[in-house]
Amino acid sequence: MRPLRLTPLMCTCAIMLVMAAHPARADAIDGHWCFPDGKRMSIQGSSIVTPDGTPTQGNYARHFFTYVVPPAGQCAGNTISMALVNEDTMHLRVGTVSDVPVQVWHRCGSPTS
């Protein structure tokens, strides 16, 4: 009996099967975000749960998100702008003035109770 020899096509198929078993994360701003001081927020389409824990709606684009802070939140009435930098990093700016410092947020796991 001859040993099985793998052809280049068989190797390519095997690699593709292994890669398919690990789902890729989409390059989108949707997801759970953490700030180093412990604040968290969650974005899903045009819905957001703000760092204050308030659910609200905003303006969603695949790599950008803006919303106006609800009346009960800190910085009420301010516009928050977020831009996806890469798959795991997002820049957030409070207000519309371009010289306001940018906050750097990172993806985090789903909230646990």
PDB file of N, CA and C in Angstrom:
ATOM      1  N   MET A   1       0.832  -1.170   0.000  1.00  0.00           N
ATOM      2  CA  MET A   1       0.000   0.000   0.000  1.00  0.00           C
ATOM      3  C   MET A   1       0.883   1.242   0.000  1.00  0.00           C
ATOM      4  N   ARG A   2       0.599   2.174  -0.896  1.00  0.00           N
ATOM      5  CA  ARG A   2       1.387   3.395  -1.004  1.00  0.00           C
ATOM      6  C   ARG A   2       0.915   4.428   0.007  1.00  0.00           C
ATOM      7  N   PRO A   3       1.849   5.173   0.624  1.00  0.00           N
ATOM      8  CA  PRO A   3       1.438   6.230   1.557  1.00  0.00           C
ATOM      9  C   PRO A   3       0.724   7.349   0.808  1.00  0.00           C
ATOM     10  N   LEU A   4      -0.191   8.021   1.505  1.00  0.00           N
ATOM     11  CA  LEU A   4      -0.942   9.131   0.929  1.00  0.00           C
ATOM     12  C   LEU A   4      -0.027  10.332   0.771  1.00  0.00           C
ATOM     13  N   ARG A   5      -0.003  10.887  -0.416  1.00  0.00           N
ATOM     14  CA  ARG A   5       0.796  12.074  -0.684  1.00  0.00           C
ATOM     15  C   ARG A   5      -0.143  13.253  -0.852  1.00  0.00           C
ATOM     16  N   LEU A   6       0.155  14.326  -0.145  1.00  0.00           N
ATOM     17  CA  LEU A   6      -0.669  15.528  -0.235  1.00  0.00           C
ATOM     18  C   LEU A   6      -0.220  16.380  -1.413  1.00  0.00           C
ATOM     19  N   THR A   7      -1.168  16.751  -2.226  1.00  0.00           N
ATOM     20  CA  THR A   7      -0.884  17.640  -3.345  1.00  0.00           C
ATOM     21  C   THR A   7      -1.007  19.084  -2.867  1.00  0.00           C
ATOM     22  N   PRO A   8      -0.466  20.023  -3.610  1.00  0.00           N
ATOM     23  CA  PRO A   8      -0.613  21.432  -3.216  1.00  0.00           C
ATOM     24  C   PRO A   8      -2.089  21.837  -3.059  1.00  0.00           C
ATOM     25  N   LEU A   9      -2.958  21.306  -3.923  1.00  0.00           N
ATOM     26  CA  LEU A   9      -4.382  21.630  -3.820  1.00  0.00           C
ATOM     27  C   LEU A   9      -4.957  21.106  -2.511  1.00  0.00           C
ATOM     28  N   MET A  10      -4.568  19.916  -2.108  1.00  0.00           N
ATOM     29  CA  MET A  10      -5.058  19.341  -0.856  1.00  0.00           C
ATOM     30  C   MET A  10      -4.571  20.167   0.334  1.00  0.00           C
ATOM     31  N   CYS A  11      -3.341  20.636   0.291  1.00  0.00           N
ATOM     32  CA  CYS A  11      -2.805  21.473   1.369  1.00  0.00           C
ATOM     33  C   CYS A  11      -3.563  22.791   1.444  1.00  0.00           C
ATOM     34  N   THR A  12      -3.822  23.394   0.284  1.00  0.00           N
ATOM     35  CA  THR A  12      -4.566  24.654   0.255  1.00  0.00           C
ATOM     36  C   THR A  12      -5.961  24.467   0.831  1.00  0.00           C
ATOM     37  N   CYS A  13      -6.624  23.388   0.468  1.00  0.00           N
ATOM     38  CA  CYS A  13      -7.972  23.118   0.993  1.00  0.00           C
ATOM     39  C   CYS A  13      -7.931  22.918   2.505  1.00  0.00           C
ATOM     40  N   ALA A  14      -6.934  22.231   3.006  1.00  0.00           N
ATOM     41  CA  ALA A  14      -6.815  21.995   4.445  1.00  0.00           C
ATOM     42  C   ALA A  14      -6.610  23.317   5.189  1.00  0.00           C
ATOM     43  N   ILE A  15      -5.783  24.188   4.657  1.00  0.00           N
ATOM     44  CA  ILE A  15      -5.541  25.492   5.284  1.00  0.00           C
ATOM     45  C   ILE A  15      -6.820  26.318   5.284  1.00  0.00           C
ATOM     46  N   MET A  16      -7.576  26.291   4.192  1.00  0.00           N
ATOM     47  CA  MET A  16      -8.822  27.051   4.119  1.00  0.00           C
ATOM     48  C   MET A  16      -9.845  26.529   5.126  1.00  0.00           C
ATOM     49  N   LEU A  17      -9.893  25.227   5.327  1.00  0.00           N
ATOM     50  CA  LEU A  17     -10.818  24.659   6.312  1.00  0.00           C
ATOM     51  C   LEU A  17     -10.458  25.098   7.723  1.00  0.00           C
ATOM     52  N   VAL A  18      -9.177  25.118   8.045  1.00  0.00           N
ATOM     53  CA  VAL A  18      -8.745  25.555   9.374  1.00  0.00           C
ATOM     54  C   VAL A  18      -9.076  27.026   9.578  1.00  0.00           C
ATOM     55  N   MET A  19      -8.837  27.848   8.573  1.00  0.00           N
ATOM     56  CA  MET A  19      -9.130  29.279   8.683  1.00  0.00           C
ATOM     57  C   MET A  19     -10.629  29.521   8.825  1.00  0.00           C
ATOM     58  N   ALA A  20     -11.448  28.739   8.145  1.00  0.00           N
ATOM     59  CA  ALA A  20     -12.896  28.910   8.218  1.00  0.00           C
ATOM     60  C   ALA A  20     -13.428  28.547   9.598  1.00  0.00           C
ATOM     61  N   ALA A  21     -12.711  27.729  10.335  1.00  0.00           N
ATOM     62  CA  ALA A  21     -13.153  27.324  11.666  1.00  0.00           C
ATOM     63  C   ALA A  21     -13.008  28.456  12.681  1.00  0.00           C
ATOM     64  N   HIS A  22     -12.209  29.463  12.363  1.00  0.00           N
ATOM     65  CA  HIS A  22     -12.004  30.613  13.240  1.00  0.00           C
ATOM     66  C   HIS A  22     -12.681  31.821  12.618  1.00  0.00           C
ATOM     67  N   PRO A  23     -13.850  32.235  13.142  1.00  0.00           N
ATOM     68  CA  PRO A  23     -14.560  33.346  12.522  1.00  0.00           C
ATOM     69  C   PRO A  23     -13.764  34.645  12.588  1.00  0.00           C
ATOM     70  N   ALA A  24     -13.751  35.359  11.499  1.00  0.00           N
ATOM     71  CA  ALA A  24     -13.056  36.647  11.445  1.00  0.00           C
ATOM     72  C   ALA A  24     -13.958  37.738  12.009  1.00  0.00           C
ATOM     73  N   ARG A  25     -13.366  38.682  12.706  1.00  0.00           N
ATOM     74  CA  ARG A  25     -14.148  39.808  13.207  1.00  0.00           C
ATOM     75  C   ARG A  25     -14.286  40.820  12.084  1.00  0.00           C
ATOM     76  N   ALA A  26     -15.464  41.370  11.996  1.00  0.00           N
ATOM     77  CA  ALA A  26     -15.711  42.360  10.952  1.00  0.00           C
ATOM     78  C   ALA A  26     -14.968  43.654  11.263  1.00  0.00           C
ATOM     79  N   ASP A  27     -14.563  44.325  10.226  1.00  0.00           N
ATOM     80  CA  ASP A  27     -13.901  45.616  10.369  1.00  0.00           C
ATOM     81  C   ASP A  27     -14.979  46.680  10.469  1.00  0.00           C
ATOM     82  N   ALA A  28     -15.617  46.755  11.649  1.00  0.00           N
ATOM     83  CA  ALA A  28     -16.707  47.705  11.885  1.00  0.00           C
ATOM     84  C   ALA A  28     -16.628  48.188  13.321  1.00  0.00           C
ATOM     85  N   ILE A  29     -17.232  49.326  13.584  1.00  0.00           N
ATOM     86  CA  ILE A  29     -17.188  49.927  14.919  1.00  0.00           C
ATOM     87  C   ILE A  29     -18.121  49.209  15.901  1.00  0.00           C
ATOM     88  N   ASP A  30     -19.011  48.364  15.396  1.00  0.00           N
ATOM     89  CA  ASP A  30     -19.915  47.614  16.276  1.00  0.00           C
ATOM     90  C   ASP A  30     -19.114  46.795  17.286  1.00  0.00           C
ATOM     91  N   GLY A  31     -19.638  46.682  18.494  1.00  0.00           N
ATOM     92  CA  GLY A  31     -19.008  45.832  19.498  1.00  0.00           C
ATOM     93  C   GLY A  31     -18.923  46.498  20.851  1.00  0.00           C
ATOM     94  N   HIS A  32     -18.137  45.882  21.719  1.00  0.00           N
ATOM     95  CA  HIS A  32     -17.948  46.353  23.091  1.00  0.00           C
ATOM     96  C   HIS A  32     -16.598  47.063  23.182  1.00  0.00           C
ATOM     97  N   TRP A  33     -16.605  48.255  23.788  1.00  0.00           N
ATOM     98  CA  TRP A  33     -15.405  49.093  23.870  1.00  0.00           C
ATOM     99  C   TRP A  33     -15.102  49.438  25.316  1.00  0.00           C
ATOM    100  N   CYS A  34     -13.800  49.457  25.644  1.00  0.00           N
ATOM    101  CA  CYS A  34     -13.337  49.756  27.004  1.00  0.00           C
ATOM    102  C   CYS A  34     -12.345  50.903  26.989  1.00  0.00           C
ATOM    103  N   PHE A  35     -12.396  51.714  28.055  1.00  0.00           N
ATOM    104  CA  PHE A  35     -11.439  52.795  28.256  1.00  0.00           C
ATOM    105  C   PHE A  35     -10.579  52.401  29.459  1.00  0.00           C
ATOM    106  N   PRO A  36      -9.319  52.813  29.510  1.00  0.00           N
ATOM    107  CA  PRO A  36      -8.436  52.388  30.605  1.00  0.00           C
ATOM    108  C   PRO A  36      -8.953  52.697  32.014  1.00  0.00           C
ATOM    109  N   ASP A  37      -9.825  53.711  32.161  1.00  0.00           N
ATOM    110  CA  ASP A  37     -10.328  54.039  33.499  1.00  0.00           C
ATOM    111  C   ASP A  37     -11.493  53.145  33.938  1.00  0.00           C
ATOM    112  N   GLY A  38     -11.861  52.159  33.103  1.00  0.00           N
ATOM    113  CA  GLY A  38     -12.930  51.220  33.462  1.00  0.00           C
ATOM    114  C   GLY A  38     -14.256  51.478  32.775  1.00  0.00           C
ATOM    115  N   LYS A  39     -14.399  52.609  32.059  1.00  0.00           N
ATOM    116  CA  LYS A  39     -15.642  52.879  31.342  1.00  0.00           C
ATOM    117  C   LYS A  39     -15.805  51.881  30.204  1.00  0.00           C
ATOM    118  N   ARG A  40     -17.080  51.538  29.921  1.00  0.00           N
ATOM    119  CA  ARG A  40     -17.409  50.627  28.826  1.00  0.00           C
ATOM    120  C   ARG A  40     -18.571  51.192  28.030  1.00  0.00           C
ATOM    121  N   MET A  41     -18.640  50.838  26.766  1.00  0.00           N
ATOM    122  CA  MET A  41     -19.806  51.159  25.936  1.00  0.00           C
ATOM    123  C   MET A  41     -19.982  50.045  24.918  1.00  0.00           C
ATOM    124  N   SER A  42     -21.176  49.990  24.369  1.00  0.00           N
ATOM    125  CA  SER A  42     -21.493  48.946  23.396  1.00  0.00           C
ATOM    126  C   SER A  42     -22.238  49.574  22.231  1.00  0.00           C
ATOM    127  N   ILE A  43     -21.795  49.259  21.009  1.00  0.00           N
ATOM    128  CA  ILE A  43     -22.417  49.788  19.795  1.00  0.00           C
ATOM    129  C   ILE A  43     -22.928  48.619  18.968  1.00  0.00           C
ATOM    130  N   GLN A  44     -24.171  48.739  18.513  1.00  0.00           N
ATOM    131  CA  GLN A  44     -24.756  47.744  17.612  1.00  0.00           C
ATOM    132  C   GLN A  44     -25.599  48.490  16.598  1.00  0.00           C
ATOM    133  N   GLY A  45     -25.044  48.698  15.409  1.00  0.00           N
ATOM    134  CA  GLY A  45     -25.748  49.497  14.411  1.00  0.00           C
ATOM    135  C   GLY A  45     -25.920  50.909  14.930  1.00  0.00           C
ATOM    136  N   SER A  46     -27.133  51.438  14.850  1.00  0.00           N
ATOM    137  CA  SER A  46     -27.371  52.814  15.316  1.00  0.00           C
ATOM    138  C   SER A  46     -27.688  52.878  16.813  1.00  0.00           C
ATOM    139  N   SER A  47     -27.653  51.732  17.510  1.00  0.00           N
ATOM    140  CA  SER A  47     -27.911  51.701  18.956  1.00  0.00           C
ATOM    141  C   SER A  47     -26.600  51.703  19.731  1.00  0.00           C
ATOM    142  N   ILE A  48     -26.605  52.431  20.849  1.00  0.00           N
ATOM    143  CA  ILE A  48     -25.427  52.470  21.712  1.00  0.00           C
ATOM    144  C   ILE A  48     -25.882  52.435  23.166  1.00  0.00           C
ATOM    145  N   VAL A  49     -25.101  51.765  23.987  1.00  0.00           N
ATOM    146  CA  VAL A  49     -25.229  51.894  25.437  1.00  0.00           C
ATOM    147  C   VAL A  49     -24.018  52.722  25.834  1.00  0.00           C
ATOM    148  N   THR A  50     -24.268  53.936  26.311  1.00  0.00           N
ATOM    149  CA  THR A  50     -23.210  54.903  26.592  1.00  0.00           C
ATOM    150  C   THR A  50     -22.384  54.477  27.803  1.00  0.00           C
ATOM    151  N   PRO A  51     -21.242  55.115  28.013  1.00  0.00           N
ATOM    152  CA  PRO A  51     -20.444  54.808  29.207  1.00  0.00           C
ATOM    153  C   PRO A  51     -21.208  55.022  30.512  1.00  0.00           C
ATOM    154  N   ASP A  52     -22.237  55.870  30.489  1.00  0.00           N
ATOM    155  CA  ASP A  52     -23.075  56.082  31.665  1.00  0.00           C
ATOM    156  C   ASP A  52     -24.099  54.957  31.850  1.00  0.00           C
ATOM    157  N   GLY A  53     -24.189  54.052  30.846  1.00  0.00           N
ATOM    158  CA  GLY A  53     -25.145  52.952  30.917  1.00  0.00           C
ATOM    159  C   GLY A  53     -26.498  53.265  30.312  1.00  0.00           C
ATOM    160  N   THR A  54     -26.607  54.390  29.604  1.00  0.00           N
ATOM    161  CA  THR A  54     -27.873  54.811  29.011  1.00  0.00           C
ATOM    162  C   THR A  54     -27.981  54.327  27.570  1.00  0.00           C
ATOM    163  N   PRO A  55     -29.028  53.574  27.243  1.00  0.00           N
ATOM    164  CA  PRO A  55     -29.236  53.199  25.833  1.00  0.00           C
ATOM    165  C   PRO A  55     -29.760  54.408  25.054  1.00  0.00           C
ATOM    166  N   THR A  56     -29.236  54.624  23.864  1.00  0.00           N
ATOM    167  CA  THR A  56     -29.702  55.716  23.007  1.00  0.00           C
ATOM    168  C   THR A  56     -29.387  55.379  21.562  1.00  0.00           C
ATOM    169  N   GLN A  57     -29.758  56.254  20.669  1.00  0.00           N
ATOM    170  CA  GLN A  57     -29.534  56.075  19.236  1.00  0.00           C
ATOM    171  C   GLN A  57     -28.537  57.113  18.744  1.00  0.00           C
ATOM    172  N   GLY A  58     -27.833  56.758  17.676  1.00  0.00           N
ATOM    173  CA  GLY A  58     -26.870  57.678  17.096  1.00  0.00           C
ATOM    174  C   GLY A  58     -26.806  57.520  15.598  1.00  0.00           C
ATOM    175  N   ASN A  59     -25.821  58.149  15.005  1.00  0.00           N
ATOM    176  CA  ASN A  59     -25.598  58.087  13.560  1.00  0.00           C
ATOM    177  C   ASN A  59     -24.482  57.089  13.297  1.00  0.00           C
ATOM    178  N   TYR A  60     -24.835  55.995  12.630  1.00  0.00           N
ATOM    179  CA  TYR A  60     -23.906  54.890  12.414  1.00  0.00           C
ATOM    180  C   TYR A  60     -23.409  54.865  10.981  1.00  0.00           C
ATOM    181  N   ALA A  61     -22.126  54.708  10.837  1.00  0.00           N
ATOM    182  CA  ALA A  61     -21.485  54.338   9.577  1.00  0.00           C
ATOM    183  C   ALA A  61     -20.510  53.229   9.958  1.00  0.00           C
ATOM    184  N   ARG A  62     -20.151  52.414   9.063  1.00  0.00           N
ATOM    185  CA  ARG A  62     -19.349  51.222   9.377  1.00  0.00           C
ATOM    186  C   ARG A  62     -18.116  51.527  10.242  1.00  0.00           C
ATOM    187  N   HIS A  63     -17.450  52.627   9.977  1.00  0.00           N
ATOM    188  CA  HIS A  63     -16.227  52.967  10.709  1.00  0.00           C
ATOM    189  C   HIS A  63     -16.365  54.202  11.593  1.00  0.00           C
ATOM    190  N   PHE A  64     -17.553  54.786  11.660  1.00  0.00           N
ATOM    191  CA  PHE A  64     -17.780  56.002  12.445  1.00  0.00           C
ATOM    192  C   PHE A  64     -19.106  55.909  13.192  1.00  0.00           C
ATOM    193  N   PHE A  65     -19.189  56.634  14.312  1.00  0.00           N
ATOM    194  CA  PHE A  65     -20.432  56.701  15.069  1.00  0.00           C
ATOM    195  C   PHE A  65     -20.464  58.036  15.794  1.00  0.00           C
ATOM    196  N   THR A  66     -21.600  58.713  15.755  1.00  0.00           N
ATOM    197  CA  THR A  66     -21.782  59.942  16.535  1.00  0.00           C
ATOM    198  C   THR A  66     -23.124  59.871  17.249  1.00  0.00           C
ATOM    199  N   TYR A  67     -23.174  60.522  18.401  1.00  0.00           N
ATOM    200  CA  TYR A  67     -24.438  60.641  19.120  1.00  0.00           C
ATOM    201  C   TYR A  67     -24.377  61.860  20.023  1.00  0.00           C
ATOM    202  N   VAL A  68     -25.558  62.314  20.429  1.00  0.00           N
ATOM    203  CA  VAL A  68     -25.661  63.425  21.370  1.00  0.00           C
ATOM    204  C   VAL A  68     -25.924  62.807  22.735  1.00  0.00           C
ATOM    205  N   VAL A  69     -25.128  63.187  23.733  1.00  0.00           N
ATOM    206  CA  VAL A  69     -25.268  62.634  25.080  1.00  0.00           C
ATOM    207  C   VAL A  69     -26.656  62.967  25.624  1.00  0.00           C
ATOM    208  N   PRO A  70     -27.408  61.940  26.072  1.00  0.00           N
ATOM    209  CA  PRO A  70     -28.748  62.175  26.612  1.00  0.00           C
ATOM    210  C   PRO A  70     -28.716  63.114  27.818  1.00  0.00           C
ATOM    211  N   PRO A  71     -29.872  63.764  28.130  1.00  0.00           N
ATOM    212  CA  PRO A  71     -29.934  64.745  29.232  1.00  0.00           C
ATOM    213  C   PRO A  71     -29.448  64.208  30.580  1.00  0.00           C
ATOM    214  N   ALA A  72     -29.637  62.930  30.854  1.00  0.00           N
ATOM    215  CA  ALA A  72     -29.239  62.390  32.157  1.00  0.00           C
ATOM    216  C   ALA A  72     -27.749  62.057  32.238  1.00  0.00           C
ATOM    217  N   GLY A  73     -27.034  62.083  31.124  1.00  0.00           N
ATOM    218  CA  GLY A  73     -25.633  61.665  31.118  1.00  0.00           C
ATOM    219  C   GLY A  73     -24.660  62.778  31.434  1.00  0.00           C
ATOM    220  N   GLN A  74     -23.429  62.371  31.784  1.00  0.00           N
ATOM    221  CA  GLN A  74     -22.361  63.357  31.943  1.00  0.00           C
ATOM    222  C   GLN A  74     -22.123  63.974  30.565  1.00  0.00           C
ATOM    223  N   CYS A  75     -21.775  65.207  30.525  1.00  0.00           N
ATOM    224  CA  CYS A  75     -21.562  65.933  29.260  1.00  0.00           C
ATOM    225  C   CYS A  75     -22.852  66.030  28.454  1.00  0.00           C
ATOM    226  N   ALA A  76     -24.007  66.071  29.117  1.00  0.00           N
ATOM    227  CA  ALA A  76     -25.308  66.117  28.438  1.00  0.00           C
ATOM    228  C   ALA A  76     -25.330  67.184  27.358  1.00  0.00           C
ATOM    229  N   GLY A  77     -25.859  66.818  26.206  1.00  0.00           N
ATOM    230  CA  GLY A  77     -25.991  67.743  25.089  1.00  0.00           C
ATOM    231  C   GLY A  77     -24.790  67.804  24.176  1.00  0.00           C
ATOM    232  N   ASN A  78     -23.640  67.279  24.620  1.00  0.00           N
ATOM    233  CA  ASN A  78     -22.452  67.281  23.772  1.00  0.00           C
ATOM    234  C   ASN A  78     -22.549  66.187  22.711  1.00  0.00           C
ATOM    235  N   THR A  79     -21.925  66.453  21.582  1.00  0.00           N
ATOM    236  CA  THR A  79     -21.834  65.450  20.531  1.00  0.00           C
ATOM    237  C   THR A  79     -20.580  64.625  20.768  1.00  0.00           C
ATOM    238  N   ILE A  80     -20.741  63.302  20.722  1.00  0.00           N
ATOM    239  CA  ILE A  80     -19.612  62.376  20.841  1.00  0.00           C
ATOM    240  C   ILE A  80     -19.357  61.812  19.454  1.00  0.00           C
ATOM    241  N   SER A  81     -18.108  61.883  19.002  1.00  0.00           N
ATOM    242  CA  SER A  81     -17.714  61.361  17.697  1.00  0.00           C
ATOM    243  C   SER A  81     -16.691  60.255  17.898  1.00  0.00           C
ATOM    244  N   MET A  82     -16.892  59.152  17.198  1.00  0.00           N
ATOM    245  CA  MET A  82     -15.970  58.025  17.296  1.00  0.00           C
ATOM    246  C   MET A  82     -15.547  57.592  15.897  1.00  0.00           C
ATOM    247  N   ALA A  83     -14.288  57.198  15.781  1.00  0.00           N
ATOM    248  CA  ALA A  83     -13.766  56.716  14.502  1.00  0.00           C
ATOM    249  C   ALA A  83     -12.935  55.464  14.748  1.00  0.00           C
ATOM    250  N   LEU A  84     -13.208  54.434  13.978  1.00  0.00           N
ATOM    251  CA  LEU A  84     -12.452  53.192  14.074  1.00  0.00           C
ATOM    252  C   LEU A  84     -11.070  53.406  13.477  1.00  0.00           C
ATOM    253  N   VAL A  85     -10.019  53.106  14.242  1.00  0.00           N
ATOM    254  CA  VAL A  85      -8.648  53.261  13.779  1.00  0.00           C
ATOM    255  C   VAL A  85      -8.169  51.954  13.159  1.00  0.00           C
ATOM    256  N   ASN A  86      -8.419  50.866  13.867  1.00  0.00           N
ATOM    257  CA  ASN A  86      -8.156  49.525  13.357  1.00  0.00           C
ATOM    258  C   ASN A  86      -9.144  48.587  14.043  1.00  0.00           C
ATOM    259  N   GLU A  87      -9.023  47.319  13.839  1.00  0.00           N
ATOM    260  CA  GLU A  87     -10.000  46.363  14.349  1.00  0.00           C
ATOM    261  C   GLU A  87     -10.205  46.451  15.860  1.00  0.00           C
ATOM    262  N   ASP A  88      -9.166  46.831  16.599  1.00  0.00           N
ATOM    263  CA  ASP A  88      -9.232  46.832  18.061  1.00  0.00           C
ATOM    264  C   ASP A  88      -9.092  48.206  18.709  1.00  0.00           C
ATOM    265  N   THR A  89      -9.010  49.274  17.921  1.00  0.00           N
ATOM    266  CA  THR A  89      -8.786  50.608  18.473  1.00  0.00           C
ATOM    267  C   THR A  89      -9.764  51.608  17.864  1.00  0.00           C
ATOM    268  N   MET A  90     -10.291  52.483  18.729  1.00  0.00           N
ATOM    269  CA  MET A  90     -11.234  53.499  18.299  1.00  0.00           C
ATOM    270  C   MET A  90     -10.867  54.813  18.974  1.00  0.00           C
ATOM    271  N   HIS A  91     -10.970  55.922  18.236  1.00  0.00           N
ATOM    272  CA  HIS A  91     -10.732  57.251  18.802  1.00  0.00           C
ATOM    273  C   HIS A  91     -12.074  57.908  19.062  1.00  0.00           C
ATOM    274  N   LEU A  92     -12.203  58.504  20.250  1.00  0.00           N
ATOM    275  CA  LEU A  92     -13.431  59.176  20.661  1.00  0.00           C
ATOM    276  C   LEU A  92     -13.106  60.620  20.980  1.00  0.00           C
ATOM    277  N   ARG A  93     -13.982  61.518  20.540  1.00  0.00           N
ATOM    278  CA  ARG A  93     -13.815  62.946  20.807  1.00  0.00           C
ATOM    279  C   ARG A  93     -15.130  63.491  21.352  1.00  0.00           C
ATOM    280  N   VAL A  94     -15.046  64.258  22.442  1.00  0.00           N
ATOM    281  CA  VAL A  94     -16.213  64.905  23.044  1.00  0.00           C
ATOM    282  C   VAL A  94     -16.302  66.311  22.482  1.00  0.00           C
ATOM    283  N   GLY A  95     -17.449  66.653  21.904  1.00  0.00           N
ATOM    284  CA  GLY A  95     -17.633  67.983  21.337  1.00  0.00           C
ATOM    285  C   GLY A  95     -17.234  68.041  19.878  1.00  0.00           C
ATOM    286  N   THR A  96     -17.334  69.212  19.321  1.00  0.00           N
ATOM    287  CA  THR A  96     -17.065  69.386  17.894  1.00  0.00           C
ATOM    288  C   THR A  96     -15.790  70.171  17.616  1.00  0.00           C
ATOM    289  N   VAL A  97     -15.092  70.596  18.654  1.00  0.00           N
ATOM    290  CA  VAL A  97     -13.851  71.352  18.476  1.00  0.00           C
ATOM    291  C   VAL A  97     -12.717  70.371  18.173  1.00  0.00           C
ATOM    292  N   SER A  98     -11.992  70.635  17.108  1.00  0.00           N
ATOM    293  CA  SER A  98     -10.968  69.684  16.663  1.00  0.00           C
ATOM    294  C   SER A  98      -9.743  69.627  17.574  1.00  0.00           C
ATOM    295  N   ASP A  99      -9.538  70.631  18.446  1.00  0.00           N
ATOM    296  CA  ASP A  99      -8.357  70.587  19.313  1.00  0.00           C
ATOM    297  C   ASP A  99      -8.640  69.895  20.656  1.00  0.00           C
ATOM    298  N   VAL A 100      -9.831  69.328  20.820  1.00  0.00           N
ATOM    299  CA  VAL A 100     -10.145  68.553  22.028  1.00  0.00           C
ATOM    300  C   VAL A 100      -9.340  67.256  21.974  1.00  0.00           C
ATOM    301  N   PRO A 101      -8.715  66.853  23.096  1.00  0.00           N
ATOM    302  CA  PRO A 101      -7.918  65.627  23.067  1.00  0.00           C
ATOM    303  C   PRO A 101      -8.765  64.411  22.699  1.00  0.00           C
ATOM    304  N   VAL A 102      -8.143  63.504  21.983  1.00  0.00           N
ATOM    305  CA  VAL A 102      -8.789  62.259  21.566  1.00  0.00           C
ATOM    306  C   VAL A 102      -8.612  61.226  22.667  1.00  0.00           C
ATOM    307  N   GLN A 103      -9.682  60.500  22.964  1.00  0.00           N
ATOM    308  CA  GLN A 103      -9.592  59.366  23.892  1.00  0.00           C
ATOM    309  C   GLN A 103      -9.389  58.106  23.052  1.00  0.00           C
ATOM    310  N   VAL A 104      -8.485  57.238  23.481  1.00  0.00           N
ATOM    311  CA  VAL A 104      -8.217  55.992  22.772  1.00  0.00           C
ATOM    312  C   VAL A 104      -8.907  54.856  23.517  1.00  0.00           C
ATOM    313  N   TRP A 105      -9.885  54.227  22.865  1.00  0.00           N
ATOM    314  CA  TRP A 105     -10.645  53.108  23.411  1.00  0.00           C
ATOM    315  C   TRP A 105     -10.214  51.833  22.704  1.00  0.00           C
ATOM    316  N   HIS A 106     -10.363  50.704  23.391  1.00  0.00           N
ATOM    317  CA  HIS A 106     -10.001  49.400  22.813  1.00  0.00           C
ATOM    318  C   HIS A 106     -11.157  48.426  22.954  1.00  0.00           C
ATOM    319  N   ARG A 107     -11.207  47.466  22.049  1.00  0.00           N
ATOM    320  CA  ARG A 107     -12.238  46.434  22.147  1.00  0.00           C
ATOM    321  C   ARG A 107     -12.050  45.652  23.433  1.00  0.00           C
ATOM    322  N   CYS A 108     -13.172  45.247  24.003  1.00  0.00           N
ATOM    323  CA  CYS A 108     -13.131  44.399  25.184  1.00  0.00           C
ATOM    324  C   CYS A 108     -14.174  43.300  25.014  1.00  0.00           C
ATOM    325  N   GLY A 109     -14.139  42.340  25.873  1.00  0.00           N
ATOM    326  CA  GLY A 109     -15.089  41.246  25.792  1.00  0.00           C
ATOM    327  C   GLY A 109     -16.482  41.699  26.148  1.00  0.00           C
ATOM    328  N   SER A 110     -17.442  40.826  25.941  1.00  0.00           N
ATOM    329  CA  SER A 110     -18.825  41.115  26.295  1.00  0.00           C
ATOM    330  C   SER A 110     -18.934  41.362  27.794  1.00  0.00           C
ATOM    331  N   PRO A 111     -19.852  42.225  28.208  1.00  0.00           N
ATOM    332  CA  PRO A 111     -20.025  42.470  29.641  1.00  0.00           C
ATOM    333  C   PRO A 111     -20.482  41.204  30.361  1.00  0.00           C
ATOM    334  N   THR A 112     -20.012  41.041  31.569  1.00  0.00           N
ATOM    335  CA  THR A 112     -20.430  39.893  32.384  1.00  0.00           C
ATOM    336  C   THR A 112     -21.190  40.406  33.585  1.00  0.00           C
ATOM    337  N   SER A 113     -22.081  39.565  34.098  1.00  0.00           N
ATOM    338  CA  SER A 113     -22.855  39.997  35.255  1.00  0.00           C
ATOM    339  C   SER A 113     -22.431  39.250  36.488  1.00  0.00           C
TER     340      SER A 113
END
